Amino acid sequence: MVCLGNICRSPMAEGILRSEITKRKLTHVVDSAGTGNWHSGEAPDRRAIATAKKFGVDISKLVARQIDRGDLESFDKIFVMDLANYDAVLRLTRNAEEKAKVELFLNQVNPGQDEEVPDPWFGEADGFIPVYKMLEAACTNFLNTIEKIHQS
């Protein structure tokens, strides 16, 4: 999961996906990062923590970090929150295989629409709730797809 600073959208997405993976008794590895390093080493934004907690997900122990080349090698999917971060991650890729891993996360809800998860950082705390719900829907659809593939 990748956003700009790794303190709002991507840690919420990581927390939601980890929670769902645990509920479904799956073993997938999830992490999050930012394309920028401004918040590296910091906890998620207090509003993101509070919003996730409201829905029963604890992201308070997550620590922001910047995406690196190793992520492109280690992970099967790199979900990004918006087009600017999509372009930033694509610049890190070295080949078609790595490029194919990078996808806008809301395409899990509306395939091919290339919709962006809005950045709630500049708004009020209640602006995090609709973002959380978008992320939750994308996480659910992604895991449903994975489970269907494994059942085939």
C-alpha atoms as a PDB file:
ATOM      1  CA  MET A   1       0.000   0.000   0.000  1.00  0.00           C
ATOM      2  CA  VAL A   2       1.554   3.299  -1.086  1.00  0.00           C
ATOM      3  CA  CYS A   3       0.568   6.931  -0.585  1.00  0.00           C
ATOM      4  CA  LEU A   4       2.584  10.129  -0.311  1.00  0.00           C
ATOM      5  CA  GLY A   5       3.816  10.256   3.294  1.00  0.00           C
ATOM      6  CA  ASN A   6       2.669   6.869   4.656  1.00  0.00           C
ATOM      7  CA  ILE A   7       0.742   8.425   7.534  1.00  0.00           C
ATOM      8  CA  CYS A   8      -2.897   8.460   6.344  1.00  0.00           C
ATOM      9  CA  ARG A   9      -4.209   6.375   3.456  1.00  0.00           C
ATOM     10  CA  SER A  10      -1.602   3.639   3.141  1.00  0.00           C
ATOM     11  CA  PRO A  11      -1.393   2.773   6.860  1.00  0.00           C
ATOM     12  CA  MET A  12      -5.198   2.647   7.057  1.00  0.00           C
ATOM     13  CA  ALA A  13      -5.234   0.346   4.010  1.00  0.00           C
ATOM     14  CA  GLU A  14      -2.484  -1.798   5.545  1.00  0.00           C
ATOM     15  CA  GLY A  15      -4.387  -2.068   8.827  1.00  0.00           C
ATOM     16  CA  ILE A  16      -7.680  -2.935   7.143  1.00  0.00           C
ATOM     17  CA  LEU A  17      -6.082  -5.560   4.911  1.00  0.00           C
ATOM     18  CA  ARG A  18      -4.130  -7.116   7.795  1.00  0.00           C
ATOM     19  CA  SER A  19      -7.312  -7.274   9.871  1.00  0.00           C
ATOM     20  CA  GLU A  20      -9.263  -8.938   7.060  1.00  0.00           C
ATOM     21  CA  ILE A  21      -6.435 -11.387   6.369  1.00  0.00           C
ATOM     22  CA  THR A  22      -6.474 -12.403  10.034  1.00  0.00           C
ATOM     23  CA  LYS A  23     -10.279 -12.788  10.060  1.00  0.00           C
ATOM     24  CA  ARG A  24     -10.136 -14.962   6.944  1.00  0.00           C
ATOM     25  CA  LYS A  25      -7.221 -17.009   8.318  1.00  0.00           C
ATOM     26  CA  LEU A  26      -5.021 -16.163   5.332  1.00  0.00           C
ATOM     27  CA  THR A  27      -1.249 -15.783   5.368  1.00  0.00           C
ATOM     28  CA  HIS A  28      -0.542 -12.906   2.980  1.00  0.00           C
ATOM     29  CA  VAL A  29       2.091 -10.317   3.884  1.00  0.00           C
ATOM     30  CA  VAL A  30       1.030  -6.662   3.826  1.00  0.00           C
ATOM     31  CA  ASP A  31       3.058  -3.497   4.307  1.00  0.00           C
ATOM     32  CA  SER A  32       2.747   0.172   3.494  1.00  0.00           C
ATOM     33  CA  ALA A  33       5.095   2.940   2.438  1.00  0.00           C
ATOM     34  CA  GLY A  34       5.170   6.469   1.116  1.00  0.00           C
ATOM     35  CA  THR A  35       6.787   7.840  -1.995  1.00  0.00           C
ATOM     36  CA  GLY A  36       8.194  10.662   0.127  1.00  0.00           C
ATOM     37  CA  ASN A  37      10.358  10.391   3.230  1.00  0.00           C
ATOM     38  CA  TRP A  38       9.037  13.376   5.216  1.00  0.00           C
ATOM     39  CA  HIS A  39       7.394  11.209   7.863  1.00  0.00           C
ATOM     40  CA  SER A  40       9.777   8.226   7.935  1.00  0.00           C
ATOM     41  CA  GLY A  41       9.933   6.810  11.455  1.00  0.00           C
ATOM     42  CA  GLU A  42       6.676   8.465  12.544  1.00  0.00           C
ATOM     43  CA  ALA A  43       3.385   6.894  13.602  1.00  0.00           C
ATOM     44  CA  PRO A  44       0.322   7.388  11.407  1.00  0.00           C
ATOM     45  CA  ASP A  45      -1.591  10.668  11.625  1.00  0.00           C
ATOM     46  CA  ARG A  46      -3.669  10.822  14.827  1.00  0.00           C
ATOM     47  CA  ARG A  47      -6.865  11.193  12.758  1.00  0.00           C
ATOM     48  CA  ALA A  48      -6.044   8.046  10.768  1.00  0.00           C
ATOM     49  CA  ILE A  49      -5.386   6.166  14.020  1.00  0.00           C
ATOM     50  CA  ALA A  50      -8.678   7.386  15.521  1.00  0.00           C
ATOM     51  CA  THR A  51     -10.672   6.527  12.395  1.00  0.00           C
ATOM     52  CA  ALA A  52      -9.230   3.033  12.130  1.00  0.00           C
ATOM     53  CA  LYS A  53      -9.847   2.479  15.846  1.00  0.00           C
ATOM     54  CA  LYS A  54     -13.480   3.527  15.380  1.00  0.00           C
ATOM     55  CA  PHE A  55     -13.817   0.566  12.991  1.00  0.00           C
ATOM     56  CA  GLY A  56     -11.902  -1.840  15.227  1.00  0.00           C
ATOM     57  CA  VAL A  57      -8.519  -1.664  13.496  1.00  0.00           C
ATOM     58  CA  ASP A  58      -5.369  -0.689  15.409  1.00  0.00           C
ATOM     59  CA  ILE A  59      -2.743   1.068  13.287  1.00  0.00           C
ATOM     60  CA  SER A  60      -1.089   2.941  16.154  1.00  0.00           C
ATOM     61  CA  LYS A  61       2.064   0.783  16.104  1.00  0.00           C
ATOM     62  CA  LEU A  62       2.747   1.215  12.374  1.00  0.00           C
ATOM     63  CA  VAL A  63       5.790   3.267  11.412  1.00  0.00           C
ATOM     64  CA  ALA A  64       6.064   5.344   8.238  1.00  0.00           C
ATOM     65  CA  ARG A  65       8.767   4.505   5.734  1.00  0.00           C
ATOM     66  CA  GLN A  66       9.641   5.285   2.142  1.00  0.00           C
ATOM     67  CA  ILE A  67       9.129   2.742  -0.635  1.00  0.00           C
ATOM     68  CA  ASP A  68      12.305   1.325  -2.111  1.00  0.00           C
ATOM     69  CA  ARG A  69      13.438  -0.985  -4.895  1.00  0.00           C
ATOM     70  CA  GLY A  70      13.251  -3.983  -2.570  1.00  0.00           C
ATOM     71  CA  ASP A  71       9.482  -3.565  -2.323  1.00  0.00           C
ATOM     72  CA  LEU A  72       9.149  -3.998  -6.072  1.00  0.00           C
ATOM     73  CA  GLU A  73      11.105  -7.220  -5.854  1.00  0.00           C
ATOM     74  CA  SER A  74       9.457  -8.572  -2.680  1.00  0.00           C
ATOM     75  CA  PHE A  75       5.758  -7.905  -3.216  1.00  0.00           C
ATOM     76  CA  ASP A  76       3.384  -9.367  -5.793  1.00  0.00           C
ATOM     77  CA  LYS A  77       1.204  -6.241  -5.813  1.00  0.00           C
ATOM     78  CA  ILE A  78       1.974  -2.591  -5.185  1.00  0.00           C
ATOM     79  CA  PHE A  79      -1.281  -0.725  -4.630  1.00  0.00           C
ATOM     80  CA  VAL A  80      -1.087   3.059  -4.873  1.00  0.00           C
ATOM     81  CA  MET A  81      -3.647   5.585  -3.732  1.00  0.00           C
ATOM     82  CA  ASP A  82      -3.488   8.172  -6.517  1.00  0.00           C
ATOM     83  CA  LEU A  83      -2.017   8.981  -9.914  1.00  0.00           C
ATOM     84  CA  ALA A  84       0.901  11.069  -8.601  1.00  0.00           C
ATOM     85  CA  ASN A  85       2.068   8.175  -6.438  1.00  0.00           C
ATOM     86  CA  TYR A  86       1.405   5.741  -9.285  1.00  0.00           C
ATOM     87  CA  ASP A  87       3.786   7.721 -11.487  1.00  0.00           C
ATOM     88  CA  ALA A  88       6.368   7.969  -8.675  1.00  0.00           C
ATOM     89  CA  VAL A  89       6.333   4.201  -8.124  1.00  0.00           C
ATOM     90  CA  LEU A  90       6.517   3.484 -11.859  1.00  0.00           C
ATOM     91  CA  ARG A  91       9.715   5.547 -11.987  1.00  0.00           C
ATOM     92  CA  LEU A  92      11.260   3.032  -9.554  1.00  0.00           C
ATOM     93  CA  THR A  93      10.462   0.036 -11.750  1.00  0.00           C
ATOM     94  CA  ARG A  94      13.105  -1.535 -13.963  1.00  0.00           C
ATOM     95  CA  ASN A  95      11.071  -3.863 -16.155  1.00  0.00           C
ATOM     96  CA  ALA A  96       7.611  -4.799 -17.400  1.00  0.00           C
ATOM     97  CA  GLU A  97       7.159  -7.393 -14.654  1.00  0.00           C
ATOM     98  CA  GLU A  98       7.606  -4.765 -11.924  1.00  0.00           C
ATOM     99  CA  LYS A  99       5.398  -2.267 -13.768  1.00  0.00           C
ATOM    100  CA  ALA A 100       2.619  -4.865 -13.943  1.00  0.00           C
ATOM    101  CA  LYS A 101       2.619  -5.102 -10.130  1.00  0.00           C
ATOM    102  CA  VAL A 102       1.695  -1.412  -9.714  1.00  0.00           C
ATOM    103  CA  GLU A 103      -2.016  -0.606  -9.648  1.00  0.00           C
ATOM    104  CA  LEU A 104      -4.346   2.091  -8.396  1.00  0.00           C
ATOM    105  CA  PHE A 105      -6.044   0.562  -5.372  1.00  0.00           C
ATOM    106  CA  LEU A 106      -9.588   1.692  -6.179  1.00  0.00           C
ATOM    107  CA  ASN A 107      -9.441  -0.367  -9.380  1.00  0.00           C
ATOM    108  CA  GLN A 108     -10.273  -3.203  -6.978  1.00  0.00           C
ATOM    109  CA  VAL A 109     -13.715  -1.593  -6.609  1.00  0.00           C
ATOM    110  CA  ASN A 110     -14.198  -0.060 -10.061  1.00  0.00           C
ATOM    111  CA  PRO A 111     -11.885  -1.914 -12.475  1.00  0.00           C
ATOM    112  CA  GLY A 112     -10.252   0.229 -15.128  1.00  0.00           C
ATOM    113  CA  GLN A 113     -11.683   3.490 -13.803  1.00  0.00           C
ATOM    114  CA  ASP A 114      -8.349   4.678 -12.351  1.00  0.00           C
ATOM    115  CA  GLU A 115     -10.090   6.491  -9.503  1.00  0.00           C
ATOM    116  CA  GLU A 116      -7.998   8.021  -6.759  1.00  0.00           C
ATOM    117  CA  VAL A 117      -8.311   7.715  -2.998  1.00  0.00           C
ATOM    118  CA  PRO A 118      -8.511  11.347  -1.859  1.00  0.00           C
ATOM    119  CA  ASP A 119      -5.859  12.504   0.588  1.00  0.00           C
ATOM    120  CA  PRO A 120      -7.681  13.366   3.845  1.00  0.00           C
ATOM    121  CA  TRP A 121      -4.609  14.942   5.459  1.00  0.00           C
ATOM    122  CA  PHE A 122      -5.624  18.542   4.685  1.00  0.00           C
ATOM    123  CA  GLY A 123      -9.174  18.150   6.000  1.00  0.00           C
ATOM    124  CA  GLU A 124     -10.942  17.500   9.254  1.00  0.00           C
ATOM    125  CA  ALA A 125     -11.080  14.200  11.123  1.00  0.00           C
ATOM    126  CA  ASP A 126     -14.489  13.314   9.657  1.00  0.00           C
ATOM    127  CA  GLY A 127     -12.929  13.387   6.169  1.00  0.00           C
ATOM    128  CA  PHE A 128     -11.021  10.231   7.102  1.00  0.00           C
ATOM    129  CA  ILE A 129     -14.227   8.191   7.413  1.00  0.00           C
ATOM    130  CA  PRO A 130     -15.201   8.142   3.701  1.00  0.00           C
ATOM    131  CA  VAL A 131     -11.559   7.409   2.823  1.00  0.00           C
ATOM    132  CA  TYR A 132     -11.540   4.515   5.293  1.00  0.00           C
ATOM    133  CA  LYS A 133     -14.711   3.115   3.729  1.00  0.00           C
ATOM    134  CA  MET A 134     -13.203   3.348   0.223  1.00  0.00           C
ATOM    135  CA  LEU A 135     -10.127   1.483   1.417  1.00  0.00           C
ATOM    136  CA  GLU A 136     -12.239  -1.104   3.197  1.00  0.00           C
ATOM    137  CA  ALA A 137     -14.250  -1.804   0.029  1.00  0.00           C
ATOM    138  CA  ALA A 138     -11.065  -2.171  -2.026  1.00  0.00           C
ATOM    139  CA  CYS A 139      -9.519  -4.513   0.577  1.00  0.00           C
ATOM    140  CA  THR A 140     -12.662  -6.659   0.657  1.00  0.00           C
ATOM    141  CA  ASN A 141     -12.853  -6.923  -3.127  1.00  0.00           C
ATOM    142  CA  PHE A 142      -9.147  -7.720  -3.396  1.00  0.00           C
ATOM    143  CA  LEU A 143      -9.365 -10.541  -0.850  1.00  0.00           C
ATOM    144  CA  ASN A 144     -12.559 -11.892  -2.420  1.00  0.00           C
ATOM    145  CA  THR A 145     -10.728 -12.054  -5.758  1.00  0.00           C
ATOM    146  CA  ILE A 146      -7.743 -13.826  -4.197  1.00  0.00           C
ATOM    147  CA  GLU A 147     -10.006 -16.375  -2.510  1.00  0.00           C
ATOM    148  CA  LYS A 148     -11.840 -17.080  -5.771  1.00  0.00           C
ATOM    149  CA  ILE A 149      -8.527 -17.660  -7.558  1.00  0.00           C
ATOM    150  CA  HIS A 150      -7.342 -20.063  -4.873  1.00  0.00           C
ATOM    151  CA  GLN A 151     -10.649 -21.973  -4.956  1.00  0.00           C
ATOM    152  CA  SER A 152     -10.403 -22.484  -8.714  1.00  0.00           C
END
